[in-house]
Protein backbone atom coordinates (compact mmCIF):
# COMPACT_ATOMS: atom_id res chain seq x y z
CA UNK A 1 -0.05 -0.03 -0.01
CA UNK A 2 1.37 3.39 -1.01
CA UNK A 3 1.29 6.48 1.07
CA UNK A 4 -1.11 9.36 -0.01
CA UNK A 5 0.90 12.38 -1.23
CA UNK A 6 -0.66 14.54 1.50
CA UNK A 7 0.63 12.33 4.27
CA UNK A 8 4.11 12.23 2.77
CA UNK A 9 4.09 16.08 2.61
CA UNK A 10 2.87 16.23 6.21
CA UNK A 11 5.49 13.79 7.36
CA UNK A 12 8.32 15.61 5.58
CA UNK A 13 7.15 18.96 6.88
CA UNK A 14 7.03 17.54 10.51
CA UNK A 15 10.45 16.14 10.07
CA UNK A 16 11.89 19.60 8.76
CA UNK A 17 10.19 21.36 11.68
CA UNK A 18 11.70 18.92 14.10
CA UNK A 19 15.22 19.46 12.44
CA UNK A 20 14.81 23.21 12.57
CA UNK A 21 13.82 22.93 16.13
CA UNK A 22 16.78 20.84 17.05
CA UNK A 23 19.21 22.96 15.19
CA UNK A 24 17.80 26.15 16.85
CA UNK A 25 17.95 24.66 20.58
CA UNK A 26 20.93 22.40 20.29
CA UNK A 27 22.61 24.09 23.34
CA UNK A 28 19.63 23.80 25.54
CA UNK A 29 18.96 20.11 24.32
CA UNK A 30 22.66 19.39 25.20
CA UNK A 31 22.29 20.82 28.67
CA UNK A 32 18.91 18.85 29.10
CA UNK A 33 20.69 15.67 27.93
CA UNK A 34 23.65 16.20 30.40
CA UNK A 35 21.05 16.84 33.40
CA UNK A 36 19.24 13.73 32.35
CA UNK A 37 22.48 11.56 32.39
CA UNK A 38 23.52 13.03 35.59
CA UNK A 39 20.17 12.31 37.31
CA UNK A 40 20.36 8.68 36.02
CA UNK A 41 23.91 8.28 36.97
CA UNK A 42 23.04 9.49 40.61
CA UNK A 43 20.02 7.43 40.83
CA UNK A 44 21.36 4.26 39.28
CA UNK A 45 20.27 2.08 42.05
CA UNK A 46 16.68 3.29 41.67
CA UNK A 47 16.66 2.50 37.99
CA UNK A 48 18.30 -0.91 38.56
CA UNK A 49 15.36 -1.47 40.94
CA UNK A 50 12.79 -0.57 38.17
CA UNK A 51 14.65 -2.79 35.83
CA UNK A 52 14.20 -5.76 38.16
CA UNK A 53 10.71 -4.75 38.57
CA UNK A 54 10.11 -4.77 34.92
CA UNK A 55 11.64 -8.07 34.42
CA UNK A 56 9.63 -9.58 37.23
CA UNK A 57 6.46 -8.21 35.79
CA UNK A 58 7.30 -9.71 32.45
CA UNK A 59 7.50 -13.04 34.27
CA UNK A 60 4.85 -12.88 36.83
CA UNK A 61 1.99 -10.90 34.85
CA UNK A 62 1.20 -13.85 32.68
CA UNK A 63 1.17 -16.14 35.68
CA UNK A 64 -1.04 -13.72 37.58
CA UNK A 65 -3.43 -13.68 34.61
CA UNK A 66 -3.40 -17.55 34.25
CA UNK A 67 -4.30 -17.72 38.04
CA UNK A 68 -7.30 -15.47 37.41
CA UNK A 69 -5.84 -12.33 39.19
CA UNK A 70 -7.79 -9.23 37.90
CA UNK A 71 -5.71 -6.61 35.96
CA UNK A 72 -6.28 -3.78 38.73
CA UNK A 73 -4.93 -6.13 41.37
CA UNK A 74 -1.78 -6.82 39.18
CA UNK A 75 -1.42 -3.05 38.79
CA UNK A 76 -1.73 -2.64 42.64
CA UNK A 77 1.16 -5.14 43.20
CA UNK A 78 3.38 -3.64 40.60
CA UNK A 79 2.65 -0.14 42.06
CA UNK A 80 3.49 -1.42 45.57
CA UNK A 81 6.83 -2.73 44.46
CA UNK A 82 7.77 0.40 42.75
CA UNK A 83 6.86 2.36 45.94
CA UNK A 84 8.85 0.09 48.16
CA UNK A 85 11.93 0.61 45.80
CA UNK A 86 11.40 4.25 45.80
CA UNK A 87 11.04 4.28 49.69
CA UNK A 88 14.17 2.25 49.93
CA UNK A 89 16.18 4.73 47.82
CA UNK A 90 14.80 7.73 49.85
CA UNK A 91 15.85 6.04 53.19
CA UNK A 92 19.39 5.51 51.95
CA UNK A 93 19.57 9.11 50.93
CA UNK A 94 18.06 10.25 54.25
CA UNK A 95 20.71 8.13 56.13
CA UNK A 96 23.57 9.65 54.05
CA UNK A 97 22.24 13.19 54.52
CA UNK A 98 21.75 12.68 58.17
CA UNK A 99 25.26 11.21 58.63
CA UNK A 100 26.69 14.25 56.84
CA UNK A 101 24.57 16.67 58.85
CA UNK A 102 25.82 15.14 62.06
CA UNK A 103 29.23 15.36 61.04
CA UNK A 104 28.91 18.99 60.01
CA UNK A 105 27.09 19.80 63.31
CA UNK A 106 29.86 18.21 65.48
CA UNK A 107 32.53 20.12 63.49
CA UNK A 108 30.79 23.48 64.11
CA UNK A 109 30.27 22.72 67.70
CA UNK A 110 34.05 21.61 68.12
CA UNK A 111 35.27 24.90 66.48
CA UNK A 112 32.48 27.04 68.18
CA UNK A 113 30.95 26.73 71.71
CA UNK A 114 33.08 23.68 72.56
CA UNK A 115 36.16 25.79 72.14
CA UNK A 116 34.76 28.40 74.49
CA UNK A 117 33.28 26.10 77.00
CA UNK A 118 36.37 23.94 77.50
CA UNK A 119 38.83 26.58 79.01
CA UNK A 120 35.92 28.28 80.96
CA UNK A 121 34.90 24.98 82.63
CA UNK A 122 38.55 24.18 83.17
CA UNK A 123 39.07 27.53 84.98
CA UNK A 124 36.01 26.83 87.32
CA UNK A 125 37.05 23.17 87.96
CA UNK A 126 40.56 24.34 88.84
CA UNK A 127 39.30 26.91 91.28
CA UNK A 128 36.71 24.17 92.56
CA UNK A 129 37.76 20.61 91.98
CA UNK A 130 34.94 19.09 93.80
CA UNK A 131 32.34 20.54 91.52
CA UNK A 132 30.52 18.16 89.10
CA UNK A 133 29.96 18.97 85.46
CA UNK A 134 26.39 19.93 85.94
CA UNK A 135 27.25 22.57 88.71
CA UNK A 136 30.20 23.86 86.49
CA UNK A 137 27.67 24.15 83.50
CA UNK A 138 25.30 26.10 85.84
CA UNK A 139 28.00 28.57 86.96
CA UNK A 140 29.29 29.04 83.34
CA UNK A 141 25.85 29.93 82.00
CA UNK A 142 25.11 32.36 85.15
CA UNK A 143 28.32 34.17 84.26
CA UNK A 144 28.06 34.39 80.56
CA UNK A 145 25.86 32.18 78.42
CA UNK A 146 26.53 33.71 75.06
CA UNK A 147 27.64 31.24 72.48
CA UNK A 148 27.04 28.25 74.80
CA UNK A 149 24.34 25.51 74.46
CA UNK A 150 21.79 24.41 77.33
CA UNK A 151 22.79 23.26 80.64
CA UNK A 152 22.49 19.59 79.91
CA UNK A 153 24.52 19.49 76.74
CA UNK A 154 27.09 21.73 78.30
CA UNK A 155 27.35 19.45 81.38
CA UNK A 156 27.61 16.27 79.10
CA UNK A 157 30.41 17.90 77.16
CA UNK A 158 32.30 18.68 80.40
CA UNK A 159 31.74 15.29 81.92
CA UNK A 160 33.08 13.68 78.70
CA UNK A 161 36.10 16.15 78.85
CA UNK A 162 36.87 15.52 82.47
CA UNK A 163 36.49 11.62 82.06
CA UNK A 164 38.96 11.52 79.19
CA UNK A 165 41.43 13.65 81.30
CA UNK A 166 43.04 11.76 84.18
CA UNK A 167 44.32 15.04 85.80
CA UNK A 168 40.66 15.84 86.80
CA UNK A 169 40.10 12.65 88.65
């Protein structure tokens, strides 16, 4: 069967329009392709999971149908599998993000309030060797609390500091 002339003309016009669009927007399309490649690279485990689900669906879907499972139930099972993969990916990213956040928070504390609290607490401890960390923390906060955390955090920091240093006994 031969193609009608109008169809051939329309197809060629469409192809010419697509070619023109690509030529006029090649830089933007290159950026878009690079962003898509980066996204796929960063999320490869998610896409690997999708591939596994797709392969499983190819195998299981006919078996479900043969067993009389309705199409909507099959779709629900597939959707549930996809959600579990996505949730697992999100959980992994959250764990990595939480770890980095904690490391950064500890670094800021070490260079910030801990650098202030250590010498101040040591001075009070030298003058009053029998004082416990909570009492030292309370005194520090009474004198000047600027830049310092709450009493509990401060006392826990001092307790660890004094436990690690045998000179404080």
